[in-house]
Amino acid sequence: MSTIAIIPAKGKSQRLPGKNALVMFGAPLVAHAVAIANAAKDKGLVSIVVLSTDDENIAAIGQRCG
């Protein structure tokens, strides 16, 4: 059985536009979520990690993070 980790990262936030691409603690916010999901994948808890976004910049960040 496969377990999928889905990371929703919308680019057009109403209160804080572009928040998922903002750098917090040395990395973009979405990079932290991707790192956690990848760690779960490395431990065998998750089979597939999917980043769902409507923003090209966030998608590029996700690809750089693996």
Protein backbone atom coordinates (compact mmCIF):
# COMPACT_ATOMS: atom_id res chain seq x y z
CA MET A 1 0.00 0.00 0.00
CA SER A 2 1.23 3.51 -0.87
CA THR A 3 0.95 6.56 1.34
CA ILE A 4 0.98 9.98 -0.32
CA ALA A 5 2.03 13.22 1.38
CA ILE A 6 0.31 16.18 -0.29
CA ILE A 7 1.69 19.67 0.38
CA PRO A 8 -0.79 22.38 -0.67
CA ALA A 9 1.09 25.65 -1.25
CA LYS A 10 -1.05 28.37 -2.76
CA GLY A 11 0.76 31.40 -4.14
CA LYS A 12 -1.97 34.01 -3.81
CA SER A 13 -2.53 34.34 -0.07
CA GLN A 14 -4.95 37.13 0.87
CA ARG A 15 -3.31 38.19 4.13
CA LEU A 16 0.35 37.63 3.24
CA PRO A 17 0.92 37.31 -0.52
CA GLY A 18 3.71 34.91 -1.45
CA LYS A 19 4.01 33.59 2.10
CA ASN A 20 5.05 30.09 1.01
CA ALA A 21 8.10 31.57 -0.76
CA LEU A 22 9.10 33.84 2.14
CA VAL A 23 12.34 32.89 3.86
CA MET A 24 11.92 31.80 7.47
CA PHE A 25 14.77 30.33 9.52
CA GLY A 26 17.06 30.30 6.49
CA ALA A 27 14.77 28.66 3.92
CA PRO A 28 11.48 29.35 2.15
CA LEU A 29 8.43 28.27 4.15
CA VAL A 30 7.47 25.61 1.61
CA ALA A 31 11.00 24.16 1.80
CA HIS A 32 10.43 23.28 5.45
CA ALA A 33 7.25 21.37 4.57
CA VAL A 34 9.04 19.54 1.75
CA ALA A 35 11.94 18.64 4.07
CA ILE A 36 9.54 17.15 6.63
CA ALA A 37 7.72 15.16 3.96
CA ASN A 38 11.02 13.92 2.50
CA ALA A 39 12.19 12.86 5.96
CA ALA A 40 8.97 10.86 6.36
CA LYS A 41 9.66 9.30 2.96
CA ASP A 42 13.22 8.38 4.00
CA LYS A 43 11.82 6.67 7.12
CA GLY A 44 9.39 4.65 4.98
CA LEU A 45 6.30 6.36 6.40
CA VAL A 46 5.39 7.96 3.06
CA SER A 47 5.76 6.55 -0.45
CA ILE A 48 5.16 9.65 -2.57
CA VAL A 49 5.52 13.39 -1.88
CA VAL A 50 3.38 15.76 -3.98
CA LEU A 51 3.58 19.56 -3.94
CA SER A 52 0.39 21.17 -5.25
CA THR A 53 0.69 24.85 -6.18
CA ASP A 54 -0.58 27.51 -8.56
CA ASP A 55 2.66 29.50 -8.45
CA GLU A 56 5.71 28.90 -10.67
CA ASN A 57 8.13 30.27 -8.05
CA ILE A 58 6.84 27.89 -5.37
CA ALA A 59 7.03 25.00 -7.84
CA ALA A 60 10.66 25.88 -8.58
CA ILE A 61 11.46 25.98 -4.86
CA GLY A 62 9.83 22.56 -4.46
CA GLN A 63 11.89 21.10 -7.31
CA ARG A 64 15.12 22.45 -5.82
CA CYS A 65 14.19 20.82 -2.49
CA GLY A 66 13.60 17.48 -4.15
